[in-house]
């Protein structure tokens, strides 16, 4: 009888310690998985100019942009020195009736982005900003989240175009930037503060199969040697972003 009591006490002791260890590991895991990155070191890669600037305010970075591309396009007024007829590779190109005009867009992103428990879907309109001050749009055409199948034929030689409100933007790879900086380069930020990179990584083409459902993954980049979650632009739908923001997006207004 005494022997049986000792066994029961021993089992109870082990059980209690196991529960305690499990609780501690769970709590530690929650902390470890809630990594907060610091993206302030990447800010000097943005091509600030008159009409495009940023400011660092405590935990946020605020971008103000006129959204004017720093490259040629057939969508500039013919009086502009940046006007250039279409000379891209799409034989189905058809120009839309809109012209590029200055906007007043403010995008606030977290300086220390982290994964969001609830992933919010992107909406039509700006979802981030490229390093030259032009905004990124998602994988849909307006007004009812239509595929880009037809709209893609109105993209200029640098793969951007303006809306009916004259807001120029990129849905897919901004060729001007990848030609200037390389296809593996940092291209901008989405509104959740996580960086966007080009369609090549470590010398290899990035495909959708290399990425999660939000169109990104986590590991080391040249700009973040300790690793960071980041998006990649690919040449197939959804192009820049998948099922929503990986992190918690800041505010976008225009």
Protein backbone atom coordinates (compact mmCIF):
# COMPACT_ATOMS: atom_id res chain seq x y z
CA UNK A 1 0.00 0.00 0.00
CA UNK A 2 2.80 2.39 0.88
CA UNK A 3 4.53 1.48 -2.37
CA UNK A 4 1.39 2.29 -4.37
CA UNK A 5 1.09 5.68 -2.63
CA UNK A 6 4.68 6.53 -3.58
CA UNK A 7 3.94 5.68 -7.20
CA UNK A 8 0.83 7.90 -7.21
CA UNK A 9 2.76 10.80 -5.66
CA UNK A 10 5.52 10.40 -8.24
CA UNK A 11 3.02 10.38 -11.14
CA UNK A 12 1.28 13.48 -9.75
CA UNK A 13 4.64 15.28 -9.44
CA UNK A 14 5.61 14.47 -13.03
CA UNK A 15 2.17 15.49 -14.32
CA UNK A 16 2.29 18.86 -12.54
CA UNK A 17 5.76 19.62 -13.84
CA UNK A 18 4.79 18.64 -17.37
CA UNK A 19 1.83 21.03 -17.30
CA UNK A 20 4.04 23.78 -15.96
CA UNK A 21 6.67 23.22 -18.65
CA UNK A 22 4.00 23.17 -21.34
CA UNK A 23 2.60 26.50 -20.18
CA UNK A 24 6.00 28.12 -20.11
CA UNK A 25 6.89 26.83 -23.59
CA UNK A 26 3.58 28.06 -24.98
CA UNK A 27 4.11 31.53 -23.55
CA UNK A 28 7.69 31.64 -24.83
CA UNK A 29 6.52 30.55 -28.27
CA UNK A 30 3.99 33.39 -28.40
CA UNK A 31 6.76 35.88 -27.68
CA UNK A 32 9.16 34.34 -30.16
CA UNK A 33 6.58 34.30 -32.93
CA UNK A 34 5.66 37.94 -32.34
CA UNK A 35 8.90 39.27 -33.82
CA UNK A 36 9.07 43.01 -34.34
CA UNK A 37 11.45 44.16 -37.03
CA UNK A 38 13.00 47.61 -37.51
CA UNK A 39 12.81 48.91 -41.08
CA UNK A 40 14.32 52.36 -40.46
CA UNK A 41 17.64 51.26 -41.99
CA UNK A 42 15.98 50.82 -45.40
CA UNK A 43 14.63 54.36 -45.60
CA UNK A 44 17.69 55.83 -47.30
CA UNK A 45 16.88 53.74 -50.38
CA UNK A 46 13.80 55.81 -51.13
CA UNK A 47 14.34 58.39 -53.88
CA UNK A 48 13.10 61.41 -51.98
CA UNK A 49 12.61 64.60 -53.97
CA UNK A 50 10.32 67.58 -54.11
CA UNK A 51 6.91 65.97 -54.00
CA UNK A 52 8.06 62.77 -52.28
CA UNK A 53 9.27 62.68 -48.68
CA UNK A 54 9.00 60.71 -45.47
CA UNK A 55 9.18 61.47 -41.77
CA UNK A 56 9.89 59.22 -38.81
CA UNK A 57 7.51 59.78 -35.92
CA UNK A 58 7.98 57.55 -32.87
CA UNK A 59 6.67 54.15 -34.00
CA UNK A 60 5.53 55.17 -37.50
CA UNK A 61 6.94 56.27 -40.83
CA UNK A 62 4.81 58.66 -42.85
CA UNK A 63 5.29 58.98 -46.61
CA UNK A 64 3.87 61.93 -48.52
CA UNK A 65 3.92 61.62 -52.28
CA UNK A 66 2.62 63.41 -55.36
CA UNK A 67 2.77 59.96 -56.99
CA UNK A 68 4.50 61.25 -60.13
CA UNK A 69 6.74 58.65 -61.79
CA UNK A 70 10.34 59.67 -62.43
CA UNK A 71 10.36 57.98 -65.82
CA UNK A 72 8.88 58.29 -69.27
CA UNK A 73 5.39 57.20 -70.27
CA UNK A 74 2.86 57.73 -73.04
CA UNK A 75 0.51 58.79 -70.23
CA UNK A 76 2.34 62.04 -69.59
CA UNK A 77 0.87 65.05 -71.39
CA UNK A 78 2.64 65.49 -74.74
CA UNK A 79 4.02 68.80 -73.44
CA UNK A 80 6.01 67.00 -70.73
CA UNK A 81 9.69 66.22 -71.26
CA UNK A 82 8.89 62.75 -69.87
CA UNK A 83 6.34 62.02 -72.57
CA UNK A 84 7.37 59.04 -74.69
CA UNK A 85 5.32 56.97 -77.07
CA UNK A 86 4.83 53.34 -76.12
CA UNK A 87 7.91 51.29 -77.04
CA UNK A 88 7.38 48.20 -74.90
CA UNK A 89 7.10 44.55 -75.89
CA UNK A 90 3.33 44.03 -75.60
CA UNK A 91 1.90 43.82 -79.12
CA UNK A 92 -1.60 44.10 -77.62
CA UNK A 93 -0.90 47.42 -75.93
CA UNK A 94 -3.77 49.89 -76.06
CA UNK A 95 -3.49 53.22 -74.32
CA UNK A 96 -6.24 54.15 -71.90
CA UNK A 97 -7.74 57.66 -72.06
CA UNK A 98 -6.22 58.88 -68.77
CA UNK A 99 -3.23 61.14 -68.15
CA UNK A 100 -0.73 61.35 -65.28
CA UNK A 101 -1.43 64.12 -62.80
CA UNK A 102 -0.05 64.93 -59.36
CA UNK A 103 -1.82 63.40 -56.38
CA UNK A 104 -1.61 64.04 -52.64
CA UNK A 105 -1.19 60.64 -51.00
CA UNK A 106 -0.15 59.98 -47.41
CA UNK A 107 0.84 56.47 -46.34
CA UNK A 108 1.72 55.74 -42.71
CA UNK A 109 3.44 52.43 -41.98
CA UNK A 110 4.75 50.91 -38.72
CA UNK A 111 8.48 51.32 -38.12
CA UNK A 112 8.51 47.94 -36.37
CA UNK A 113 6.22 45.68 -38.42
CA UNK A 114 5.15 42.34 -37.03
CA UNK A 115 2.84 39.54 -38.10
CA UNK A 116 -0.82 40.30 -37.54
CA UNK A 117 -3.09 37.72 -35.93
CA UNK A 118 -5.90 38.82 -38.23
CA UNK A 119 -4.80 39.26 -41.84
CA UNK A 120 -6.69 42.10 -43.51
CA UNK A 121 -7.45 41.97 -47.22
CA UNK A 122 -6.03 44.66 -49.48
CA UNK A 123 -8.48 47.03 -51.11
CA UNK A 124 -8.59 48.73 -54.49
CA UNK A 125 -6.31 51.75 -54.58
CA UNK A 126 -2.91 52.23 -52.99
CA UNK A 127 -1.58 49.37 -50.83
CA UNK A 128 2.03 50.55 -50.53
CA UNK A 129 4.70 52.79 -51.98
CA UNK A 130 7.61 52.07 -54.33
CA UNK A 131 11.04 53.53 -53.69
CA UNK A 132 10.45 56.21 -56.37
CA UNK A 133 7.23 57.45 -54.74
CA UNK A 134 4.75 55.70 -57.04
CA UNK A 135 2.10 53.65 -55.26
CA UNK A 136 1.52 49.90 -55.54
CA UNK A 137 -1.96 48.52 -56.29
CA UNK A 138 -3.17 44.96 -55.72
CA UNK A 139 -3.93 42.25 -58.28
CA UNK A 140 -7.39 43.47 -59.20
CA UNK A 141 -8.90 45.97 -61.61
CA UNK A 142 -11.82 48.14 -60.55
CA UNK A 143 -14.56 48.46 -59.88
CA UNK A 144 -15.41 44.91 -58.77
CA UNK A 145 -12.11 43.11 -58.17
CA UNK A 146 -11.78 41.94 -61.75
CA UNK A 147 -8.68 40.07 -62.95
CA UNK A 148 -6.04 42.18 -64.68
CA UNK A 149 -6.42 40.12 -67.87
CA UNK A 150 -7.59 43.04 -70.01
CA UNK A 151 -6.24 45.95 -68.01
CA UNK A 152 -2.70 44.63 -68.28
CA UNK A 153 -2.72 45.58 -71.97
CA UNK A 154 -2.85 49.25 -71.00
CA UNK A 155 0.37 49.11 -68.95
CA UNK A 156 3.08 51.33 -70.42
CA UNK A 157 6.66 50.27 -71.22
CA UNK A 158 7.52 50.41 -67.49
CA UNK A 159 4.36 48.42 -66.57
CA UNK A 160 2.37 51.17 -64.93
CA UNK A 161 -0.65 53.24 -65.90
CA UNK A 162 -3.01 55.92 -64.51
CA UNK A 163 -6.54 55.56 -63.18
CA UNK A 164 -9.53 57.60 -64.22
CA UNK A 165 -8.50 59.99 -61.42
CA UNK A 166 -5.05 60.33 -63.09
CA UNK A 167 -3.25 58.38 -60.33
CA UNK A 168 -0.32 56.46 -61.81
CA UNK A 169 0.46 53.10 -60.16
CA UNK A 170 2.06 49.67 -60.48
CA UNK A 171 0.10 46.41 -60.23
CA UNK A 172 3.05 44.28 -61.30
CA UNK A 173 6.84 44.50 -61.59
CA UNK A 174 7.94 48.14 -62.02
CA UNK A 175 10.40 47.60 -64.84
CA UNK A 176 11.99 51.02 -64.47
CA UNK A 177 13.08 50.15 -60.93
CA UNK A 178 14.21 46.58 -61.60
CA UNK A 179 16.23 47.77 -64.60
CA UNK A 180 17.80 50.51 -62.52
CA UNK A 181 18.49 48.55 -59.33
CA UNK A 182 18.29 44.88 -60.32
CA UNK A 183 15.58 42.25 -60.24
CA UNK A 184 16.65 41.13 -56.76
CA UNK A 185 16.50 44.61 -55.29
CA UNK A 186 14.38 46.30 -52.65
CA UNK A 187 11.46 47.97 -54.46
CA UNK A 188 9.34 49.52 -51.70
CA UNK A 189 7.04 48.87 -48.76
CA UNK A 190 3.47 47.73 -48.37
CA UNK A 191 1.27 49.56 -45.89
CA UNK A 192 2.02 47.00 -43.16
CA UNK A 193 5.68 48.05 -43.21
CA UNK A 194 7.07 44.87 -44.74
CA UNK A 195 9.43 45.30 -47.69
CA UNK A 196 8.80 44.33 -51.31
CA UNK A 197 11.58 42.74 -53.36
CA UNK A 198 11.92 41.91 -57.03
CA UNK A 199 11.32 38.62 -58.85
CA UNK A 200 14.82 37.19 -58.32
CA UNK A 201 16.44 35.96 -55.12
CA UNK A 202 19.92 34.47 -54.71
CA UNK A 203 20.23 34.33 -58.49
CA UNK A 204 17.04 32.30 -58.91
CA UNK A 205 13.65 33.34 -60.27
CA UNK A 206 11.02 33.55 -57.53
CA UNK A 207 7.72 31.81 -58.28
CA UNK A 208 4.45 31.69 -56.39
CA UNK A 209 5.41 28.22 -55.16
CA UNK A 210 8.30 29.78 -53.22
CA UNK A 211 5.94 32.07 -51.31
CA UNK A 212 3.14 31.81 -48.77
CA UNK A 213 -0.47 32.78 -49.40
CA UNK A 214 0.36 36.44 -48.67
CA UNK A 215 3.07 36.35 -51.35
CA UNK A 216 6.07 36.48 -49.05
CA UNK A 217 8.45 34.54 -46.83
CA UNK A 218 10.97 35.09 -44.05
CA UNK A 219 14.74 34.93 -44.30
CA UNK A 220 17.90 36.99 -44.70
CA UNK A 221 18.14 39.74 -47.34
CA UNK A 222 21.03 42.06 -48.20
CA UNK A 223 19.24 44.85 -46.35
CA UNK A 224 18.23 42.74 -43.34
CA UNK A 225 21.09 40.37 -42.45
CA UNK A 226 19.16 39.07 -39.44
CA UNK A 227 16.22 38.15 -41.64
CA UNK A 228 12.78 39.67 -42.16
CA UNK A 229 9.43 38.76 -43.63
CA UNK A 230 9.19 40.26 -47.11
CA UNK A 231 7.04 40.15 -50.21
CA UNK A 232 8.23 39.32 -53.73
CA UNK A 233 6.87 40.53 -57.03
CA UNK A 234 6.39 37.62 -59.44
CA UNK A 235 5.28 37.42 -63.07
CA UNK A 236 2.06 35.60 -62.25
CA UNK A 237 -1.11 36.49 -60.38
CA UNK A 238 -1.27 37.80 -57.63
CA UNK A 239 1.97 39.61 -58.61
CA UNK A 240 2.69 41.64 -55.43
CA UNK A 241 0.37 40.53 -52.65
CA UNK A 242 -1.79 37.47 -52.12
CA UNK A 243 -4.53 36.94 -49.54
CA UNK A 244 -3.96 40.17 -47.64
CA UNK A 245 -1.40 42.00 -45.54
CA UNK A 246 0.93 39.79 -43.50
CA UNK A 247 1.19 42.55 -40.91
CA UNK A 248 -1.12 45.24 -39.60
CA UNK A 249 -1.45 47.99 -42.26
CA UNK A 250 -1.15 51.65 -41.41
CA UNK A 251 -3.27 54.46 -42.82
CA UNK A 252 -3.55 55.47 -46.47
CA UNK A 253 -5.26 58.69 -47.50
CA UNK A 254 -5.48 60.79 -50.64
